[in-house]
Amino acid sequence: MSIATSQVDPVRQARANVAVAVRLGKDATEARRTLHAAKLERAIMEAVNAAPPLTADQRATLAQLLTSGGGR
């Protein structure tokens, strides 16, 4: 029996890391941050792949939103 060489789902891996940290009684803050980022990445990729191509202005607006932390 061989081990699959396909990539592990980042959300699934991050969720497992949160579970391990909690189970071991460790601070899960960073693991939860990574899980949240993986979920955001997945949602953004799904939205981008489903939408028609963006204009340069639209890409710039979205990039600014993401790099500014949502205007916080």
C-alpha atoms as a PDB file:
ATOM      1  CA  MET A   1       0.000   0.000   0.000  1.00  0.00           C
ATOM      2  CA  SER A   2       1.424   3.396  -0.974  1.00  0.00           C
ATOM      3  CA  ILE A   3       0.951   6.762   0.649  1.00  0.00           C
ATOM      4  CA  ALA A   4      -0.880   9.262  -1.530  1.00  0.00           C
ATOM      5  CA  THR A   5       1.352  12.080  -2.682  1.00  0.00           C
ATOM      6  CA  SER A   6      -1.488  14.549  -3.181  1.00  0.00           C
ATOM      7  CA  GLN A   7      -1.438  17.718  -1.139  1.00  0.00           C
ATOM      8  CA  VAL A   8      -3.262  17.821   2.165  1.00  0.00           C
ATOM      9  CA  ASP A   9      -6.186  20.253   2.367  1.00  0.00           C
ATOM     10  CA  PRO A  10      -4.794  23.311   4.231  1.00  0.00           C
ATOM     11  CA  VAL A  11      -8.061  23.856   6.122  1.00  0.00           C
ATOM     12  CA  ARG A  12      -8.155  20.249   7.243  1.00  0.00           C
ATOM     13  CA  GLN A  13      -4.509  20.369   8.355  1.00  0.00           C
ATOM     14  CA  ALA A  14      -5.027  23.648  10.231  1.00  0.00           C
ATOM     15  CA  ARG A  15      -8.136  22.270  11.937  1.00  0.00           C
ATOM     16  CA  ALA A  16      -6.139  19.243  13.056  1.00  0.00           C
ATOM     17  CA  ASN A  17      -3.399  21.526  14.426  1.00  0.00           C
ATOM     18  CA  VAL A  18      -5.993  23.411  16.505  1.00  0.00           C
ATOM     19  CA  ALA A  19      -7.325  20.120  17.844  1.00  0.00           C
ATOM     20  CA  VAL A  20      -3.845  18.923  18.811  1.00  0.00           C
ATOM     21  CA  ALA A  21      -3.010  22.183  20.585  1.00  0.00           C
ATOM     22  CA  VAL A  22      -6.267  22.123  22.532  1.00  0.00           C
ATOM     23  CA  ARG A  23      -5.919  18.442  23.398  1.00  0.00           C
ATOM     24  CA  LEU A  24      -2.390  19.021  24.712  1.00  0.00           C
ATOM     25  CA  GLY A  25      -3.456  22.091  26.690  1.00  0.00           C
ATOM     26  CA  LYS A  26      -1.245  24.415  24.645  1.00  0.00           C
ATOM     27  CA  ASP A  27      -2.066  27.940  23.505  1.00  0.00           C
ATOM     28  CA  ALA A  28      -4.048  27.466  20.286  1.00  0.00           C
ATOM     29  CA  THR A  29      -4.073  31.147  19.291  1.00  0.00           C
ATOM     30  CA  GLU A  30      -1.606  30.799  16.427  1.00  0.00           C
ATOM     31  CA  ALA A  31      -3.212  27.558  15.246  1.00  0.00           C
ATOM     32  CA  ARG A  32      -6.611  29.254  15.199  1.00  0.00           C
ATOM     33  CA  ARG A  33      -5.144  32.214  13.294  1.00  0.00           C
ATOM     34  CA  THR A  34      -3.725  29.817  10.713  1.00  0.00           C
ATOM     35  CA  LEU A  35      -7.078  28.030  10.437  1.00  0.00           C
ATOM     36  CA  HIS A  36      -8.886  31.312   9.881  1.00  0.00           C
ATOM     37  CA  ALA A  37      -6.376  32.343   7.188  1.00  0.00           C
ATOM     38  CA  ALA A  38      -6.740  28.967   5.435  1.00  0.00           C
ATOM     39  CA  LYS A  39     -10.523  29.359   5.403  1.00  0.00           C
ATOM     40  CA  LEU A  40     -10.224  32.889   4.011  1.00  0.00           C
ATOM     41  CA  GLU A  41      -7.800  31.719   1.332  1.00  0.00           C
ATOM     42  CA  ARG A  42     -10.205  28.971   0.281  1.00  0.00           C
ATOM     43  CA  ALA A  43     -13.168  31.367   0.143  1.00  0.00           C
ATOM     44  CA  ILE A  44     -11.207  33.929  -1.879  1.00  0.00           C
ATOM     45  CA  MET A  45     -10.013  31.299  -4.346  1.00  0.00           C
ATOM     46  CA  GLU A  46     -13.560  29.983  -4.796  1.00  0.00           C
ATOM     47  CA  ALA A  47     -14.895  33.510  -5.365  1.00  0.00           C
ATOM     48  CA  VAL A  48     -12.141  34.410  -7.818  1.00  0.00           C
ATOM     49  CA  ASN A  49     -12.549  31.175  -9.755  1.00  0.00           C
ATOM     50  CA  ALA A  50     -16.343  31.612  -9.998  1.00  0.00           C
ATOM     51  CA  ALA A  51     -16.328  35.261 -11.062  1.00  0.00           C
ATOM     52  CA  PRO A  52     -15.565  36.815 -14.426  1.00  0.00           C
ATOM     53  CA  PRO A  53     -12.109  38.397 -14.702  1.00  0.00           C
ATOM     54  CA  LEU A  54     -11.641  41.536 -12.626  1.00  0.00           C
ATOM     55  CA  THR A  55     -10.529  44.869 -13.998  1.00  0.00           C
ATOM     56  CA  ALA A  56      -7.233  46.350 -12.870  1.00  0.00           C
ATOM     57  CA  ASP A  57      -9.110  48.875 -10.686  1.00  0.00           C
ATOM     58  CA  GLN A  58     -11.162  46.116  -9.052  1.00  0.00           C
ATOM     59  CA  ARG A  59      -8.012  44.082  -8.327  1.00  0.00           C
ATOM     60  CA  ALA A  60      -6.319  47.154  -6.851  1.00  0.00           C
ATOM     61  CA  THR A  61      -9.317  47.896  -4.618  1.00  0.00           C
ATOM     62  CA  LEU A  62      -9.471  44.312  -3.350  1.00  0.00           C
ATOM     63  CA  ALA A  63      -5.705  44.179  -2.820  1.00  0.00           C
ATOM     64  CA  GLN A  64      -5.841  47.383  -0.781  1.00  0.00           C
ATOM     65  CA  LEU A  65      -8.649  45.971   1.324  1.00  0.00           C
ATOM     66  CA  LEU A  66      -6.661  42.833   2.058  1.00  0.00           C
ATOM     67  CA  THR A  67      -3.353  44.556   2.740  1.00  0.00           C
ATOM     68  CA  SER A  68      -4.938  47.161   5.032  1.00  0.00           C
ATOM     69  CA  GLY A  69      -6.511  44.490   7.215  1.00  0.00           C
ATOM     70  CA  GLY A  70     -10.027  45.424   6.194  1.00  0.00           C
ATOM     71  CA  GLY A  71      -9.644  49.067   7.100  1.00  0.00           C
ATOM     72  CA  ARG A  72      -8.935  48.454  10.773  1.00  0.00           C
END
